[in-house]
Amino acid sequence: MPTLYLDMNVYKRPFDDQRQMRIRLETVAITMIFAMIDDGQFSACWSFVLDYENSRDPVPERREFVEYLSRCCETSVAPDESIRELARRLSEV
């Protein structure tokens, strides 16, 4: 089964202004992806970066919604030394 890593903008898209057709279509597509994850057709991966980004959302309802979705993820990426080293190298460039 394919595993998906979704950026935070995907989790937050349903809260964007749905009057724009593109936003509305993206929201429908994202809802379908979440349904396919729930149905077992895909699995989802969460990460410590998504936790951090979500914690910075000032709107409790959006934060709680994403926390709920995060519990549907089968795997999670935790920080480790290889990630820290990569971040150090990238910050030096």
PDB file of N, CA and C in Angstrom:
ATOM      1  N   MET A   1       0.842  -1.163   0.000  1.00  0.00           N
ATOM      2  CA  MET A   1       0.000   0.000   0.000  1.00  0.00           C
ATOM      3  C   MET A   1       0.901   1.245   0.000  1.00  0.00           C
ATOM      4  N   PRO A   2       0.614   2.201  -0.863  1.00  0.00           N
ATOM      5  CA  PRO A   2       1.415   3.425  -0.916  1.00  0.00           C
ATOM      6  C   PRO A   2       1.257   4.252   0.364  1.00  0.00           C
ATOM      7  N   THR A   3       2.364   4.853   0.780  1.00  0.00           N
ATOM      8  CA  THR A   3       2.351   5.736   1.935  1.00  0.00           C
ATOM      9  C   THR A   3       2.499   7.171   1.457  1.00  0.00           C
ATOM     10  N   LEU A   4       1.647   8.047   1.982  1.00  0.00           N
ATOM     11  CA  LEU A   4       1.656   9.453   1.595  1.00  0.00           C
ATOM     12  C   LEU A   4       2.161  10.312   2.738  1.00  0.00           C
ATOM     13  N   TYR A   5       2.986  11.283   2.400  1.00  0.00           N
ATOM     14  CA  TYR A   5       3.370  12.326   3.349  1.00  0.00           C
ATOM     15  C   TYR A   5       2.748  13.607   2.822  1.00  0.00           C
ATOM     16  N   LEU A   6       1.833  14.178   3.578  1.00  0.00           N
ATOM     17  CA  LEU A   6       1.102  15.358   3.146  1.00  0.00           C
ATOM     18  C   LEU A   6       1.608  16.578   3.902  1.00  0.00           C
ATOM     19  N   ASP A   7       1.819  17.670   3.169  1.00  0.00           N
ATOM     20  CA  ASP A   7       2.228  18.919   3.807  1.00  0.00           C
ATOM     21  C   ASP A   7       1.078  19.503   4.614  1.00  0.00           C
ATOM     22  N   MET A   8       1.415  20.403   5.508  1.00  0.00           N
ATOM     23  CA  MET A   8       0.402  21.002   6.379  1.00  0.00           C
ATOM     24  C   MET A   8      -0.670  21.742   5.581  1.00  0.00           C
ATOM     25  N   ASN A   9      -0.293  22.330   4.448  1.00  0.00           N
ATOM     26  CA  ASN A   9      -1.300  23.042   3.662  1.00  0.00           C
ATOM     27  C   ASN A   9      -2.415  22.114   3.204  1.00  0.00           C
ATOM     28  N   VAL A  10      -2.137  20.841   3.046  1.00  0.00           N
ATOM     29  CA  VAL A  10      -3.167  19.876   2.666  1.00  0.00           C
ATOM     30  C   VAL A  10      -4.151  19.685   3.821  1.00  0.00           C
ATOM     31  N   TYR A  11      -3.627  19.536   5.013  1.00  0.00           N
ATOM     32  CA  TYR A  11      -4.491  19.347   6.181  1.00  0.00           C
ATOM     33  C   TYR A  11      -5.346  20.584   6.467  1.00  0.00           C
ATOM     34  N   LYS A  12      -4.828  21.757   6.138  1.00  0.00           N
ATOM     35  CA  LYS A  12      -5.537  23.008   6.431  1.00  0.00           C
ATOM     36  C   LYS A  12      -6.444  23.476   5.294  1.00  0.00           C
ATOM     37  N   ARG A  13      -6.341  22.882   4.104  1.00  0.00           N
ATOM     38  CA  ARG A  13      -7.108  23.346   2.942  1.00  0.00           C
ATOM     39  C   ARG A  13      -8.615  23.432   3.191  1.00  0.00           C
ATOM     40  N   PRO A  14      -9.240  22.513   3.895  1.00  0.00           N
ATOM     41  CA  PRO A  14     -10.694  22.640   4.117  1.00  0.00           C
ATOM     42  C   PRO A  14     -11.106  23.913   4.852  1.00  0.00           C
ATOM     43  N   PHE A  15     -10.159  24.599   5.501  1.00  0.00           N
ATOM     44  CA  PHE A  15     -10.475  25.822   6.233  1.00  0.00           C
ATOM     45  C   PHE A  15     -10.284  27.077   5.392  1.00  0.00           C
ATOM     46  N   ASP A  16      -9.787  26.919   4.169  1.00  0.00           N
ATOM     47  CA  ASP A  16      -9.587  28.070   3.297  1.00  0.00           C
ATOM     48  C   ASP A  16     -10.906  28.511   2.671  1.00  0.00           C
ATOM     49  N   ASP A  17     -10.900  29.689   2.085  1.00  0.00           N
ATOM     50  CA  ASP A  17     -12.086  30.284   1.469  1.00  0.00           C
ATOM     51  C   ASP A  17     -12.558  29.406   0.306  1.00  0.00           C
ATOM     52  N   GLN A  18     -13.685  28.743   0.491  1.00  0.00           N
ATOM     53  CA  GLN A  18     -14.198  27.782  -0.486  1.00  0.00           C
ATOM     54  C   GLN A  18     -14.946  28.449  -1.642  1.00  0.00           C
ATOM     55  N   ARG A  19     -15.009  29.779  -1.675  1.00  0.00           N
ATOM     56  CA  ARG A  19     -15.684  30.454  -2.785  1.00  0.00           C
ATOM     57  C   ARG A  19     -14.876  30.389  -4.071  1.00  0.00           C
ATOM     58  N   GLN A  20     -13.581  30.152  -3.958  1.00  0.00           N
ATOM     59  CA  GLN A  20     -12.745  30.004  -5.155  1.00  0.00           C
ATOM     60  C   GLN A  20     -12.842  28.566  -5.650  1.00  0.00           C
ATOM     61  N   MET A  21     -13.116  28.409  -6.932  1.00  0.00           N
ATOM     62  CA  MET A  21     -13.303  27.074  -7.512  1.00  0.00           C
ATOM     63  C   MET A  21     -12.082  26.180  -7.297  1.00  0.00           C
ATOM     64  N   ARG A  22     -10.885  26.712  -7.501  1.00  0.00           N
ATOM     65  CA  ARG A  22      -9.671  25.906  -7.342  1.00  0.00           C
ATOM     66  C   ARG A  22      -9.552  25.395  -5.906  1.00  0.00           C
ATOM     67  N   ILE A  23      -9.836  26.253  -4.948  1.00  0.00           N
ATOM     68  CA  ILE A  23      -9.759  25.855  -3.537  1.00  0.00           C
ATOM     69  C   ILE A  23     -10.797  24.778  -3.239  1.00  0.00           C
ATOM     70  N   ARG A  24     -11.993  24.971  -3.758  1.00  0.00           N
ATOM     71  CA  ARG A  24     -13.075  24.002  -3.540  1.00  0.00           C
ATOM     72  C   ARG A  24     -12.716  22.639  -4.141  1.00  0.00           C
ATOM     73  N   LEU A  25     -12.166  22.633  -5.365  1.00  0.00           N
ATOM     74  CA  LEU A  25     -11.783  21.367  -6.011  1.00  0.00           C
ATOM     75  C   LEU A  25     -10.644  20.683  -5.254  1.00  0.00           C
ATOM     76  N   GLU A  26      -9.686  21.464  -4.803  1.00  0.00           N
ATOM     77  CA  GLU A  26      -8.599  20.885  -4.009  1.00  0.00           C
ATOM     78  C   GLU A  26      -9.130  20.287  -2.712  1.00  0.00           C
ATOM     79  N   THR A  27     -10.092  20.954  -2.101  1.00  0.00           N
ATOM     80  CA  THR A  27     -10.687  20.441  -0.864  1.00  0.00           C
ATOM     81  C   THR A  27     -11.401  19.123  -1.115  1.00  0.00           C
ATOM     82  N   VAL A  28     -12.110  19.021  -2.226  1.00  0.00           N
ATOM     83  CA  VAL A  28     -12.787  17.764  -2.576  1.00  0.00           C
ATOM     84  C   VAL A  28     -11.749  16.665  -2.782  1.00  0.00           C
ATOM     85  N   ALA A  29     -10.683  16.980  -3.508  1.00  0.00           N
ATOM     86  CA  ALA A  29      -9.631  15.984  -3.762  1.00  0.00           C
ATOM     87  C   ALA A  29      -8.982  15.535  -2.454  1.00  0.00           C
ATOM     88  N   ILE A  30      -8.717  16.469  -1.572  1.00  0.00           N
ATOM     89  CA  ILE A  30      -8.095  16.140  -0.285  1.00  0.00           C
ATOM     90  C   ILE A  30      -9.031  15.286   0.565  1.00  0.00           C
ATOM     91  N   THR A  31     -10.302  15.618   0.536  1.00  0.00           N
ATOM     92  CA  THR A  31     -11.286  14.827   1.277  1.00  0.00           C
ATOM     93  C   THR A  31     -11.307  13.395   0.757  1.00  0.00           C
ATOM     94  N   MET A  32     -11.193  13.240  -0.563  1.00  0.00           N
ATOM     95  CA  MET A  32     -11.152  11.895  -1.158  1.00  0.00           C
ATOM     96  C   MET A  32      -9.887  11.154  -0.721  1.00  0.00           C
ATOM     97  N   ILE A  33      -8.766  11.848  -0.661  1.00  0.00           N
ATOM     98  CA  ILE A  33      -7.521  11.222  -0.205  1.00  0.00           C
ATOM     99  C   ILE A  33      -7.666  10.762   1.240  1.00  0.00           C
ATOM    100  N   PHE A  34      -8.230  11.610   2.103  1.00  0.00           N
ATOM    101  CA  PHE A  34      -8.444  11.211   3.492  1.00  0.00           C
ATOM    102  C   PHE A  34      -9.366   9.994   3.580  1.00  0.00           C
ATOM    103  N   ALA A  35     -10.394   9.950   2.731  1.00  0.00           N
ATOM    104  CA  ALA A  35     -11.308   8.802   2.725  1.00  0.00           C
ATOM    105  C   ALA A  35     -10.568   7.535   2.278  1.00  0.00           C
ATOM    106  N   MET A  36      -9.661   7.665   1.313  1.00  0.00           N
ATOM    107  CA  MET A  36      -8.895   6.504   0.846  1.00  0.00           C
ATOM    108  C   MET A  36      -7.910   6.029   1.920  1.00  0.00           C
ATOM    109  N   ILE A  37      -7.389   6.956   2.703  1.00  0.00           N
ATOM    110  CA  ILE A  37      -6.524   6.570   3.831  1.00  0.00           C
ATOM    111  C   ILE A  37      -7.355   5.826   4.869  1.00  0.00           C
ATOM    112  N   ASP A  38      -8.519   6.368   5.170  1.00  0.00           N
ATOM    113  CA  ASP A  38      -9.414   5.741   6.144  1.00  0.00           C
ATOM    114  C   ASP A  38      -9.861   4.355   5.682  1.00  0.00           C
ATOM    115  N   ASP A  39     -10.010   4.195   4.372  1.00  0.00           N
ATOM    116  CA  ASP A  39     -10.453   2.926   3.787  1.00  0.00           C
ATOM    117  C   ASP A  39      -9.313   1.914   3.642  1.00  0.00           C
ATOM    118  N   GLY A  40      -8.072   2.350   3.877  1.00  0.00           N
ATOM    119  CA  GLY A  40      -6.940   1.438   3.787  1.00  0.00           C
ATOM    120  C   GLY A  40      -6.307   1.348   2.416  1.00  0.00           C
ATOM    121  N   GLN A  41      -6.703   2.194   1.479  1.00  0.00           N
ATOM    122  CA  GLN A  41      -6.100   2.177   0.150  1.00  0.00           C
ATOM    123  C   GLN A  41      -4.726   2.845   0.145  1.00  0.00           C
ATOM    124  N   PHE A  42      -4.529   3.788   1.054  1.00  0.00           N
ATOM    125  CA  PHE A  42      -3.251   4.456   1.267  1.00  0.00           C
ATOM    126  C   PHE A  42      -2.974   4.446   2.757  1.00  0.00           C
ATOM    127  N   SER A  43      -1.717   4.638   3.108  1.00  0.00           N
ATOM    128  CA  SER A  43      -1.398   4.929   4.499  1.00  0.00           C
ATOM    129  C   SER A  43      -0.769   6.318   4.518  1.00  0.00           C
ATOM    130  N   ALA A  44      -0.757   6.934   5.672  1.00  0.00           N
ATOM    131  CA  ALA A  44      -0.204   8.276   5.791  1.00  0.00           C
ATOM    132  C   ALA A  44       0.914   8.290   6.816  1.00  0.00           C
ATOM    133  N   CYS A  45       1.862   9.174   6.580  1.00  0.00           N
ATOM    134  CA  CYS A  45       3.003   9.339   7.471  1.00  0.00           C
ATOM    135  C   CYS A  45       2.950  10.739   8.070  1.00  0.00           C
ATOM    136  N   TRP A  46       3.159  10.833   9.362  1.00  0.00           N
ATOM    137  CA  TRP A  46       3.174  12.093  10.100  1.00  0.00           C
ATOM    138  C   TRP A  46       4.623  12.417  10.448  1.00  0.00           C
ATOM    139  N   SER A  47       4.890  13.620  10.923  1.00  0.00           N
ATOM    140  CA  SER A  47       6.255  13.949  11.339  1.00  0.00           C
ATOM    141  C   SER A  47       6.255  14.981  12.453  1.00  0.00           C
ATOM    142  N   PHE A  48       7.389  15.077  13.102  1.00  0.00           N
ATOM    143  CA  PHE A  48       7.583  16.072  14.156  1.00  0.00           C
ATOM    144  C   PHE A  48       7.474  17.486  13.591  1.00  0.00           C
ATOM    145  N   VAL A  49       7.801  17.680  12.330  1.00  0.00           N
ATOM    146  CA  VAL A  49       7.683  19.001  11.702  1.00  0.00           C
ATOM    147  C   VAL A  49       6.211  19.391  11.583  1.00  0.00           C
ATOM    148  N   LEU A  50       5.368  18.447  11.202  1.00  0.00           N
ATOM    149  CA  LEU A  50       3.935  18.727  11.123  1.00  0.00           C
ATOM    150  C   LEU A  50       3.371  19.046  12.502  1.00  0.00           C
ATOM    151  N   ASP A  51       3.846  18.335  13.527  1.00  0.00           N
ATOM    152  CA  ASP A  51       3.425  18.651  14.902  1.00  0.00           C
ATOM    153  C   ASP A  51       3.750  20.101  15.238  1.00  0.00           C
ATOM    154  N   TYR A  52       4.975  20.504  14.913  1.00  0.00           N
ATOM    155  CA  TYR A  52       5.394  21.873  15.206  1.00  0.00           C
ATOM    156  C   TYR A  52       4.544  22.881  14.437  1.00  0.00           C
ATOM    157  N   GLU A  53       4.394  22.660  13.135  1.00  0.00           N
ATOM    158  CA  GLU A  53       3.602  23.596  12.325  1.00  0.00           C
ATOM    159  C   GLU A  53       2.173  23.715  12.855  1.00  0.00           C
ATOM    160  N   ASN A  54       1.583  22.594  13.181  1.00  0.00           N
ATOM    161  CA  ASN A  54       0.204  22.621  13.671  1.00  0.00           C
ATOM    162  C   ASN A  54       0.106  23.330  15.026  1.00  0.00           C
ATOM    163  N   SER A  55       1.107  23.160  15.858  1.00  0.00           N
ATOM    164  CA  SER A  55       1.084  23.804  17.176  1.00  0.00           C
ATOM    165  C   SER A  55       1.107  25.325  17.056  1.00  0.00           C
ATOM    166  N   ARG A  56       1.555  25.852  15.933  1.00  0.00           N
ATOM    167  CA  ARG A  56       1.642  27.293  15.720  1.00  0.00           C
ATOM    168  C   ARG A  56       0.335  27.891  15.203  1.00  0.00           C
ATOM    169  N   ASP A  57      -0.656  27.058  14.884  1.00  0.00           N
ATOM    170  CA  ASP A  57      -1.938  27.554  14.385  1.00  0.00           C
ATOM    171  C   ASP A  57      -2.697  28.213  15.535  1.00  0.00           C
ATOM    172  N   PRO A  58      -3.074  29.486  15.377  1.00  0.00           N
ATOM    173  CA  PRO A  58      -3.745  30.186  16.479  1.00  0.00           C
ATOM    174  C   PRO A  58      -5.221  29.824  16.649  1.00  0.00           C
ATOM    175  N   VAL A  59      -5.781  29.064  15.706  1.00  0.00           N
ATOM    176  CA  VAL A  59      -7.212  28.742  15.764  1.00  0.00           C
ATOM    177  C   VAL A  59      -7.382  27.327  16.321  1.00  0.00           C
ATOM    178  N   PRO A  60      -7.937  27.194  17.527  1.00  0.00           N
ATOM    179  CA  PRO A  60      -8.045  25.883  18.176  1.00  0.00           C
ATOM    180  C   PRO A  60      -8.787  24.837  17.333  1.00  0.00           C
ATOM    181  N   GLU A  61      -9.846  25.209  16.635  1.00  0.00           N
ATOM    182  CA  GLU A  61     -10.624  24.232  15.856  1.00  0.00           C
ATOM    183  C   GLU A  61      -9.786  23.627  14.740  1.00  0.00           C
ATOM    184  N   ARG A  62      -8.995  24.459  14.070  1.00  0.00           N
ATOM    185  CA  ARG A  62      -8.124  23.943  12.999  1.00  0.00           C
ATOM    186  C   ARG A  62      -7.055  23.041  13.583  1.00  0.00           C
ATOM    187  N   ARG A  63      -6.451  23.477  14.692  1.00  0.00           N
ATOM    188  CA  ARG A  63      -5.412  22.682  15.349  1.00  0.00           C
ATOM    189  C   ARG A  63      -5.955  21.321  15.773  1.00  0.00           C
ATOM    190  N   GLU A  64      -7.133  21.315  16.393  1.00  0.00           N
ATOM    191  CA  GLU A  64      -7.730  20.056  16.866  1.00  0.00           C
ATOM    192  C   GLU A  64      -8.109  19.139  15.708  1.00  0.00           C
ATOM    193  N   PHE A  65      -8.600  19.712  14.612  1.00  0.00           N
ATOM    194  CA  PHE A  65      -8.948  18.914  13.432  1.00  0.00           C
ATOM    195  C   PHE A  65      -7.714  18.194  12.895  1.00  0.00           C
ATOM    196  N   VAL A  66      -6.610  18.918  12.780  1.00  0.00           N
ATOM    197  CA  VAL A  66      -5.378  18.313  12.259  1.00  0.00           C
ATOM    198  C   VAL A  66      -4.822  17.291  13.254  1.00  0.00           C
ATOM    199  N   GLU A  67      -4.930  17.561  14.549  1.00  0.00           N
ATOM    200  CA  GLU A  67      -4.502  16.566  15.546  1.00  0.00           C
ATOM    201  C   GLU A  67      -5.303  15.279  15.386  1.00  0.00           C
ATOM    202  N   TYR A  68      -6.602  15.406  15.141  1.00  0.00           N
ATOM    203  CA  TYR A  68      -7.449  14.235  14.907  1.00  0.00           C
ATOM    204  C   TYR A  68      -6.953  13.464  13.679  1.00  0.00           C
ATOM    205  N   LEU A  69      -6.693  14.175  12.588  1.00  0.00           N
ATOM    206  CA  LEU A  69      -6.219  13.507  11.370  1.00  0.00           C
ATOM    207  C   LEU A  69      -4.853  12.867  11.579  1.00  0.00           C
ATOM    208  N   SER A  70      -4.022  13.475  12.408  1.00  0.00           N
ATOM    209  CA  SER A  70      -2.685  12.916  12.643  1.00  0.00           C
ATOM    210  C   SER A  70      -2.757  11.527  13.268  1.00  0.00           C
ATOM    211  N   ARG A  71      -3.816  11.267  14.005  1.00  0.00           N
ATOM    212  CA  ARG A  71      -3.963   9.948  14.640  1.00  0.00           C
ATOM    213  C   ARG A  71      -4.290   8.853  13.625  1.00  0.00           C
ATOM    214  N   CYS A  72      -4.649   9.249  12.413  1.00  0.00           N
ATOM    215  CA  CYS A  72      -4.921   8.272  11.350  1.00  0.00           C
ATOM    216  C   CYS A  72      -3.638   7.822  10.654  1.00  0.00           C
ATOM    217  N   CYS A  73      -2.536   8.498  10.935  1.00  0.00           N
ATOM    218  CA  CYS A  73      -1.264   8.166  10.290  1.00  0.00           C
ATOM    219  C   CYS A  73      -0.667   6.925  10.935  1.00  0.00           C
ATOM    220  N   GLU A  74      -0.224   6.019  10.083  1.00  0.00           N
ATOM    221  CA  GLU A  74       0.324   4.749  10.584  1.00  0.00           C
ATOM    222  C   GLU A  74       1.766   4.868  11.041  1.00  0.00           C
ATOM    223  N   THR A  75       2.505   5.796  10.437  1.00  0.00           N
ATOM    224  CA  THR A  75       3.905   5.971  10.801  1.00  0.00           C
ATOM    225  C   THR A  75       4.165   7.437  11.117  1.00  0.00           C
ATOM    226  N   SER A  76       5.266   7.660  11.813  1.00  0.00           N
ATOM    227  CA  SER A  76       5.654   9.023  12.162  1.00  0.00           C
ATOM    228  C   SER A  76       7.168   9.133  12.103  1.00  0.00           C
ATOM    229  N   VAL A  77       7.633  10.257  11.584  1.00  0.00           N
ATOM    230  CA  VAL A  77       9.067  10.518  11.507  1.00  0.00           C
ATOM    231  C   VAL A  77       9.452  11.349  12.723  1.00  0.00           C
ATOM    232  N   ALA A  78      10.406  10.835  13.480  1.00  0.00           N
ATOM    233  CA  ALA A  78      10.905  11.547  14.657  1.00  0.00           C
ATOM    234  C   ALA A  78      12.251  12.173  14.309  1.00  0.00           C
ATOM    235  N   PRO A  79      12.624  13.234  15.010  1.00  0.00           N
ATOM    236  CA  PRO A  79      13.943  13.825  14.737  1.00  0.00           C
ATOM    237  C   PRO A  79      15.045  12.850  15.123  1.00  0.00           C
ATOM    238  N   ASP A  80      16.063  12.823  14.323  1.00  0.00           N
ATOM    239  CA  ASP A  80      17.230  12.006  14.661  1.00  0.00           C
ATOM    240  C   ASP A  80      18.487  12.737  14.186  1.00  0.00           C
ATOM    241  N   GLU A  81      19.621  12.173  14.460  1.00  0.00           N
ATOM    242  CA  GLU A  81      20.881  12.859  14.175  1.00  0.00           C
ATOM    243  C   GLU A  81      21.087  13.103  12.684  1.00  0.00           C
ATOM    244  N   SER A  82      20.650  12.202  11.820  1.00  0.00           N
ATOM    245  CA  SER A  82      20.840  12.415  10.374  1.00  0.00           C
ATOM    246  C   SER A  82      20.024  13.619   9.889  1.00  0.00           C
ATOM    247  N   ILE A  83      18.847  13.807  10.441  1.00  0.00           N
ATOM    248  CA  ILE A  83      18.023  14.965  10.078  1.00  0.00           C
ATOM    249  C   ILE A  83      18.673  16.244  10.611  1.00  0.00           C
ATOM    250  N   ARG A  84      19.164  16.201  11.830  1.00  0.00           N
ATOM    251  CA  ARG A  84      19.837  17.376  12.404  1.00  0.00           C
ATOM    252  C   ARG A  84      21.070  17.759  11.591  1.00  0.00           C
ATOM    253  N   GLU A  85      21.840  16.754  11.189  1.00  0.00           N
ATOM    254  CA  GLU A  85      23.051  17.020  10.399  1.00  0.00           C
ATOM    255  C   GLU A  85      22.696  17.624   9.043  1.00  0.00           C
ATOM    256  N   LEU A  86      21.695  17.101   8.404  1.00  0.00           N
ATOM    257  CA  LEU A  86      21.239  17.664   7.125  1.00  0.00           C
ATOM    258  C   LEU A  86      20.796  19.116   7.313  1.00  0.00           C
ATOM    259  N   ALA A  87      20.070  19.405   8.368  1.00  0.00           N
ATOM    260  CA  ALA A  87      19.624  20.765   8.644  1.00  0.00           C
ATOM    261  C   ALA A  87      20.823  21.688   8.867  1.00  0.00           C
ATOM    262  N   ARG A  88      21.833  21.206   9.573  1.00  0.00           N
ATOM    263  CA  ARG A  88      23.038  22.008   9.780  1.00  0.00           C
ATOM    264  C   ARG A  88      23.710  22.342   8.454  1.00  0.00           C
ATOM    265  N   ARG A  89      23.870  21.317   7.602  1.00  0.00           N
ATOM    266  CA  ARG A  89      24.515  21.531   6.302  1.00  0.00           C
ATOM    267  C   ARG A  89      23.721  22.496   5.437  1.00  0.00           C
ATOM    268  N   LEU A  90      22.409  22.349   5.435  1.00  0.00           N
ATOM    269  CA  LEU A  90      21.580  23.236   4.614  1.00  0.00           C
ATOM    270  C   LEU A  90      21.596  24.675   5.118  1.00  0.00           C
ATOM    271  N   SER A  91      21.717  24.848   6.423  1.00  0.00           N
ATOM    272  CA  SER A  91      21.726  26.211   6.979  1.00  0.00           C
ATOM    273  C   SER A  91      23.055  26.916   6.705  1.00  0.00           C
ATOM    274  N   GLU A  92      24.083  26.162   6.383  1.00  0.00           N
ATOM    275  CA  GLU A  92      25.401  26.758   6.091  1.00  0.00           C
ATOM    276  C   GLU A  92      25.488  27.255   4.650  1.00  0.00           C
ATOM    277  N   VAL A  93      24.611  26.834   3.811  1.00  0.00           N
ATOM    278  CA  VAL A  93      24.674  27.196   2.382  1.00  0.00           C
ATOM    279  C   VAL A  93      24.258  28.620   2.159  1.00  0.00           C
TER     280      VAL A  93
END
